[in-house]
Amino acid sequence: MQGYENIFILDPNVSEENQKVLLDKLKGIVSSNGGQVVHETTWGRRKLAYEVKKREYGIYHLLYLDRTPAALQALETQLGYEDDVIKWMSVTVDDVHKEHEEFETLKSQGTLYPNLNER
């Protein structure tokens, strides 16, 4: 199933409750624009490769969406308005299920940028 992979990084000081509220809001925006969040993954608090908005750490979230351009556009617009989002990016993927599986495999093996983990 073709779709989109969207990753966004939140300010490291955002509480878990506020993260949940924001995720629910973003998923609502996707569904209200005809799209569907196929998979979602919280990658967690990680050290950034370079400083972004004077932050050295960020909380990574990954969403896999079905192929609905209006939903992606609405999501990206909202991400631009959110003060807690410090960076985001969306890419097209050929198979959202395969991409999600590969990500989870690498994440569980600890091979996804192991030197960037907060210790």
N, C-alpha and C. Protein backbone atom coordinates (compact mmCIF):
# COMPACT_ATOMS: atom_id res chain seq x y z
N MET A 1 0.84 -1.17 0.00
CA MET A 1 0.00 0.00 0.00
C MET A 1 0.89 1.24 0.00
N GLN A 2 0.75 2.05 -1.03
CA GLN A 2 1.52 3.28 -1.11
C GLN A 2 0.99 4.27 -0.08
N GLY A 3 1.87 5.15 0.36
CA GLY A 3 1.45 6.14 1.35
C GLY A 3 2.57 7.11 1.66
N TYR A 4 2.49 7.67 2.84
CA TYR A 4 3.45 8.67 3.28
C TYR A 4 4.03 8.30 4.63
N GLU A 5 5.29 8.66 4.81
CA GLU A 5 5.96 8.53 6.09
C GLU A 5 6.21 9.95 6.58
N ASN A 6 5.72 10.26 7.76
CA ASN A 6 5.90 11.59 8.32
C ASN A 6 6.60 11.45 9.67
N ILE A 7 7.71 12.14 9.81
CA ILE A 7 8.41 12.15 11.09
C ILE A 7 8.44 13.58 11.59
N PHE A 8 8.16 13.74 12.87
CA PHE A 8 8.25 15.07 13.45
C PHE A 8 8.94 14.98 14.80
N ILE A 9 9.61 16.06 15.16
CA ILE A 9 10.38 16.12 16.39
C ILE A 9 9.77 17.18 17.29
N LEU A 10 9.49 16.78 18.52
CA LEU A 10 8.91 17.69 19.49
C LEU A 10 9.98 18.23 20.43
N ASP A 11 9.69 19.37 21.01
CA ASP A 11 10.53 19.95 22.04
C ASP A 11 10.71 18.91 23.15
N PRO A 12 11.94 18.73 23.66
CA PRO A 12 12.17 17.69 24.66
C PRO A 12 11.48 17.94 26.00
N ASN A 13 10.99 19.14 26.22
CA ASN A 13 10.34 19.47 27.49
C ASN A 13 8.84 19.25 27.48
N VAL A 14 8.29 18.73 26.39
CA VAL A 14 6.86 18.49 26.29
C VAL A 14 6.50 17.27 27.14
N SER A 15 5.48 17.39 27.98
CA SER A 15 5.07 16.28 28.84
C SER A 15 4.41 15.17 28.00
N GLU A 16 4.36 13.97 28.58
CA GLU A 16 3.74 12.85 27.88
C GLU A 16 2.27 13.11 27.62
N GLU A 17 1.61 13.77 28.56
CA GLU A 17 0.19 14.08 28.39
C GLU A 17 -0.02 15.03 27.20
N ASN A 18 0.83 16.05 27.11
CA ASN A 18 0.73 17.00 25.99
C ASN A 18 1.07 16.33 24.66
N GLN A 19 2.00 15.37 24.68
CA GLN A 19 2.33 14.62 23.47
C GLN A 19 1.12 13.83 23.00
N LYS A 20 0.43 13.19 23.94
CA LYS A 20 -0.75 12.40 23.60
C LYS A 20 -1.84 13.29 23.03
N VAL A 21 -2.05 14.45 23.62
CA VAL A 21 -3.05 15.40 23.13
C VAL A 21 -2.71 15.83 21.70
N LEU A 22 -1.44 16.15 21.46
CA LEU A 22 -1.01 16.58 20.13
C LEU A 22 -1.17 15.45 19.11
N LEU A 23 -0.78 14.23 19.48
CA LEU A 23 -0.93 13.09 18.56
C LEU A 23 -2.40 12.86 18.21
N ASP A 24 -3.27 12.94 19.20
CA ASP A 24 -4.71 12.77 18.94
C ASP A 24 -5.23 13.86 18.02
N LYS A 25 -4.75 15.08 18.24
CA LYS A 25 -5.15 16.21 17.39
C LYS A 25 -4.70 15.99 15.95
N LEU A 26 -3.45 15.56 15.77
CA LEU A 26 -2.92 15.34 14.43
C LEU A 26 -3.63 14.19 13.72
N LYS A 27 -3.89 13.11 14.46
CA LYS A 27 -4.63 11.98 13.86
C LYS A 27 -6.04 12.40 13.48
N GLY A 28 -6.64 13.27 14.28
CA GLY A 28 -7.97 13.79 13.97
C GLY A 28 -7.97 14.62 12.70
N ILE A 29 -6.93 15.41 12.52
CA ILE A 29 -6.81 16.23 11.31
C ILE A 29 -6.68 15.33 10.08
N VAL A 30 -5.87 14.28 10.20
CA VAL A 30 -5.70 13.35 9.07
C VAL A 30 -7.04 12.71 8.72
N SER A 31 -7.75 12.20 9.72
CA SER A 31 -9.01 11.50 9.44
C SER A 31 -10.09 12.45 8.95
N SER A 32 -10.11 13.69 9.45
CA SER A 32 -11.14 14.64 8.99
C SER A 32 -10.90 15.10 7.55
N ASN A 33 -9.70 14.84 7.03
CA ASN A 33 -9.40 15.18 5.65
C ASN A 33 -9.38 13.95 4.75
N GLY A 34 -10.01 12.88 5.20
CA GLY A 34 -10.17 11.69 4.38
C GLY A 34 -9.03 10.70 4.43
N GLY A 35 -8.04 10.94 5.27
CA GLY A 35 -6.89 10.04 5.35
C GLY A 35 -6.99 9.10 6.53
N GLN A 36 -5.97 8.27 6.66
CA GLN A 36 -5.93 7.31 7.75
C GLN A 36 -4.49 7.15 8.21
N VAL A 37 -4.26 7.16 9.53
CA VAL A 37 -2.96 6.84 10.08
C VAL A 37 -2.88 5.32 10.15
N VAL A 38 -2.01 4.75 9.33
CA VAL A 38 -1.89 3.29 9.23
C VAL A 38 -1.07 2.74 10.39
N HIS A 39 0.05 3.37 10.69
CA HIS A 39 0.92 2.98 11.80
C HIS A 39 1.43 4.24 12.47
N GLU A 40 1.68 4.16 13.76
CA GLU A 40 2.34 5.25 14.46
C GLU A 40 3.36 4.67 15.42
N THR A 41 4.47 5.35 15.55
CA THR A 41 5.55 4.89 16.41
C THR A 41 6.14 6.09 17.13
N THR A 42 6.36 5.93 18.41
CA THR A 42 7.10 6.95 19.16
C THR A 42 8.52 6.43 19.31
N TRP A 43 9.45 7.16 18.74
CA TRP A 43 10.84 6.74 18.78
C TRP A 43 11.48 7.16 20.10
N GLY A 44 10.95 8.21 20.71
CA GLY A 44 11.41 8.63 22.02
C GLY A 44 12.37 9.81 21.98
N ARG A 45 12.90 10.12 23.15
CA ARG A 45 13.81 11.26 23.31
C ARG A 45 15.19 10.84 22.84
N ARG A 46 15.73 11.62 21.91
CA ARG A 46 17.02 11.30 21.32
C ARG A 46 17.83 12.58 21.11
N LYS A 47 19.12 12.40 21.07
CA LYS A 47 20.00 13.53 20.79
C LYS A 47 19.90 13.87 19.31
N LEU A 48 19.77 15.14 19.01
CA LEU A 48 19.69 15.59 17.63
C LEU A 48 21.08 15.58 17.00
N ALA A 49 21.14 15.40 15.71
CA ALA A 49 22.42 15.40 15.00
C ALA A 49 23.07 16.79 15.04
N TYR A 50 22.22 17.81 15.07
CA TYR A 50 22.69 19.19 15.19
C TYR A 50 21.61 19.98 15.93
N GLU A 51 22.00 21.08 16.49
CA GLU A 51 21.08 21.88 17.28
C GLU A 51 19.98 22.47 16.40
N VAL A 52 18.73 22.35 16.85
CA VAL A 52 17.58 22.89 16.13
C VAL A 52 16.81 23.76 17.13
N LYS A 53 16.63 25.02 16.78
CA LYS A 53 15.91 25.96 17.65
C LYS A 53 16.47 25.93 19.07
N LYS A 54 17.80 25.91 19.16
CA LYS A 54 18.54 25.90 20.42
C LYS A 54 18.25 24.67 21.28
N ARG A 55 17.87 23.57 20.66
CA ARG A 55 17.61 22.31 21.37
C ARG A 55 18.63 21.27 20.93
N GLU A 56 19.18 20.53 21.89
CA GLU A 56 20.11 19.45 21.58
C GLU A 56 19.41 18.10 21.53
N TYR A 57 18.23 18.01 22.13
CA TYR A 57 17.45 16.78 22.17
C TYR A 57 16.06 17.03 21.61
N GLY A 58 15.40 15.97 21.21
CA GLY A 58 14.04 16.07 20.73
C GLY A 58 13.32 14.75 20.92
N ILE A 59 12.01 14.79 20.87
CA ILE A 59 11.19 13.59 20.99
C ILE A 59 10.65 13.27 19.61
N TYR A 60 11.05 12.13 19.08
CA TYR A 60 10.71 11.74 17.71
C TYR A 60 9.41 10.95 17.67
N HIS A 61 8.55 11.30 16.70
CA HIS A 61 7.32 10.56 16.44
C HIS A 61 7.26 10.28 14.95
N LEU A 62 6.78 9.10 14.61
CA LEU A 62 6.72 8.66 13.22
C LEU A 62 5.30 8.21 12.90
N LEU A 63 4.74 8.77 11.83
CA LEU A 63 3.40 8.39 11.39
C LEU A 63 3.48 7.85 9.97
N TYR A 64 2.76 6.77 9.71
CA TYR A 64 2.61 6.24 8.36
C TYR A 64 1.17 6.48 7.96
N LEU A 65 0.96 7.18 6.85
CA LEU A 65 -0.37 7.55 6.39
C LEU A 65 -0.68 6.85 5.08
N ASP A 66 -1.98 6.66 4.83
CA ASP A 66 -2.38 6.15 3.52
C ASP A 66 -2.16 7.26 2.49
N ARG A 67 -2.36 6.93 1.25
CA ARG A 67 -2.06 7.89 0.17
C ARG A 67 -3.25 8.81 -0.07
N THR A 68 -3.37 9.83 0.79
CA THR A 68 -4.40 10.85 0.67
C THR A 68 -3.71 12.20 0.74
N PRO A 69 -3.45 12.84 -0.42
CA PRO A 69 -2.70 14.09 -0.43
C PRO A 69 -3.32 15.21 0.41
N ALA A 70 -4.65 15.30 0.45
CA ALA A 70 -5.30 16.36 1.23
C ALA A 70 -5.01 16.19 2.72
N ALA A 71 -5.00 14.95 3.20
CA ALA A 71 -4.72 14.68 4.60
C ALA A 71 -3.27 15.04 4.94
N LEU A 72 -2.34 14.69 4.05
CA LEU A 72 -0.93 15.03 4.27
C LEU A 72 -0.74 16.53 4.29
N GLN A 73 -1.36 17.23 3.37
CA GLN A 73 -1.22 18.68 3.32
C GLN A 73 -1.78 19.33 4.59
N ALA A 74 -2.92 18.86 5.06
CA ALA A 74 -3.51 19.40 6.29
C ALA A 74 -2.61 19.12 7.49
N LEU A 75 -2.02 17.91 7.54
CA LEU A 75 -1.11 17.55 8.63
C LEU A 75 0.12 18.44 8.62
N GLU A 76 0.72 18.62 7.45
CA GLU A 76 1.92 19.46 7.35
C GLU A 76 1.62 20.91 7.72
N THR A 77 0.45 21.40 7.34
CA THR A 77 0.07 22.76 7.70
C THR A 77 -0.03 22.90 9.21
N GLN A 78 -0.68 21.93 9.85
CA GLN A 78 -0.83 21.98 11.31
C GLN A 78 0.51 21.86 12.01
N LEU A 79 1.40 21.01 11.51
CA LEU A 79 2.73 20.87 12.12
C LEU A 79 3.48 22.19 12.08
N GLY A 80 3.27 22.97 11.03
CA GLY A 80 3.92 24.28 10.94
C GLY A 80 3.40 25.27 11.97
N TYR A 81 2.18 25.08 12.43
CA TYR A 81 1.58 25.98 13.43
C TYR A 81 1.90 25.61 14.87
N GLU A 82 2.25 24.36 15.10
CA GLU A 82 2.47 23.89 16.47
C GLU A 82 3.80 24.40 17.03
N ASP A 83 3.74 25.04 18.19
CA ASP A 83 4.94 25.58 18.82
C ASP A 83 5.87 24.50 19.36
N ASP A 84 5.31 23.36 19.75
CA ASP A 84 6.12 22.28 20.32
C ASP A 84 6.85 21.46 19.27
N VAL A 85 6.48 21.60 17.99
CA VAL A 85 7.14 20.86 16.91
C VAL A 85 8.35 21.68 16.45
N ILE A 86 9.54 21.08 16.58
CA ILE A 86 10.74 21.83 16.19
C ILE A 86 11.22 21.49 14.78
N LYS A 87 10.78 20.36 14.25
CA LYS A 87 11.16 19.98 12.88
C LYS A 87 10.27 18.83 12.43
N TRP A 88 10.01 18.76 11.12
CA TRP A 88 9.21 17.67 10.56
C TRP A 88 9.57 17.46 9.11
N MET A 89 9.25 16.25 8.62
CA MET A 89 9.52 15.92 7.22
C MET A 89 8.58 14.80 6.79
N SER A 90 8.13 14.86 5.55
CA SER A 90 7.27 13.82 4.98
C SER A 90 7.89 13.31 3.69
N VAL A 91 7.80 12.00 3.48
CA VAL A 91 8.27 11.39 2.23
C VAL A 91 7.24 10.38 1.76
N THR A 92 7.24 10.13 0.45
CA THR A 92 6.38 9.11 -0.14
C THR A 92 7.07 7.76 -0.04
N VAL A 93 6.31 6.72 0.34
CA VAL A 93 6.86 5.37 0.40
C VAL A 93 5.97 4.44 -0.44
N ASP A 94 6.59 3.41 -0.99
CA ASP A 94 5.86 2.47 -1.84
C ASP A 94 4.99 1.51 -1.04
N ASP A 95 5.47 1.12 0.14
CA ASP A 95 4.73 0.16 0.96
C ASP A 95 4.85 0.57 2.43
N VAL A 96 3.81 1.16 2.98
CA VAL A 96 3.88 1.66 4.36
C VAL A 96 4.05 0.52 5.36
N HIS A 97 3.47 -0.63 5.10
CA HIS A 97 3.59 -1.75 6.02
C HIS A 97 5.03 -2.27 6.06
N LYS A 98 5.65 -2.38 4.90
CA LYS A 98 7.03 -2.85 4.82
C LYS A 98 7.98 -1.86 5.49
N GLU A 99 7.78 -0.57 5.22
CA GLU A 99 8.64 0.46 5.83
C GLU A 99 8.51 0.43 7.35
N HIS A 100 7.29 0.31 7.85
CA HIS A 100 7.07 0.26 9.29
C HIS A 100 7.73 -0.97 9.90
N GLU A 101 7.60 -2.12 9.25
CA GLU A 101 8.22 -3.35 9.72
C GLU A 101 9.74 -3.20 9.79
N GLU A 102 10.34 -2.64 8.73
CA GLU A 102 11.79 -2.46 8.71
C GLU A 102 12.24 -1.51 9.82
N PHE A 103 11.49 -0.43 10.02
CA PHE A 103 11.82 0.52 11.07
C PHE A 103 11.78 -0.15 12.43
N GLU A 104 10.71 -0.89 12.71
CA GLU A 104 10.57 -1.55 14.01
C GLU A 104 11.67 -2.59 14.22
N THR A 105 12.05 -3.30 13.17
CA THR A 105 13.14 -4.29 13.28
C THR A 105 14.44 -3.61 13.64
N LEU A 106 14.77 -2.54 12.94
CA LEU A 106 16.01 -1.82 13.24
C LEU A 106 15.97 -1.19 14.63
N LYS A 107 14.81 -0.67 15.01
CA LYS A 107 14.65 -0.06 16.33
C LYS A 107 14.85 -1.10 17.43
N SER A 108 14.27 -2.28 17.26
CA SER A 108 14.39 -3.33 18.29
C SER A 108 15.81 -3.89 18.38
N GLN A 109 16.54 -3.86 17.28
CA GLN A 109 17.92 -4.34 17.28
C GLN A 109 18.88 -3.29 17.82
N GLY A 110 18.41 -2.06 17.97
CA GLY A 110 19.27 -0.99 18.44
C GLY A 110 20.25 -0.50 17.40
N THR A 111 19.96 -0.75 16.13
CA THR A 111 20.88 -0.35 15.07
C THR A 111 20.50 0.97 14.41
N LEU A 112 19.42 1.59 14.85
CA LEU A 112 19.02 2.89 14.30
C LEU A 112 19.78 3.98 15.04
N TYR A 113 20.85 4.43 14.48
CA TYR A 113 21.65 5.49 15.06
C TYR A 113 21.95 5.24 16.56
N PRO A 114 22.63 4.16 16.88
CA PRO A 114 22.83 3.83 18.29
C PRO A 114 23.66 4.87 19.04
N ASN A 115 24.51 5.62 18.34
CA ASN A 115 25.34 6.62 19.00
C ASN A 115 24.57 7.87 19.40
N LEU A 116 23.32 8.01 18.94
CA LEU A 116 22.54 9.18 19.28
C LEU A 116 21.62 8.96 20.49
N ASN A 117 21.58 7.76 21.00
CA ASN A 117 20.72 7.47 22.16
C ASN A 117 21.18 8.27 23.36
N GLU A 118 20.21 8.74 24.12
CA GLU A 118 20.55 9.42 25.37
C GLU A 118 20.93 8.36 26.39
N ARG A 119 21.99 8.55 27.07
CA ARG A 119 22.44 7.58 28.07
C ARG A 119 22.41 8.20 29.44
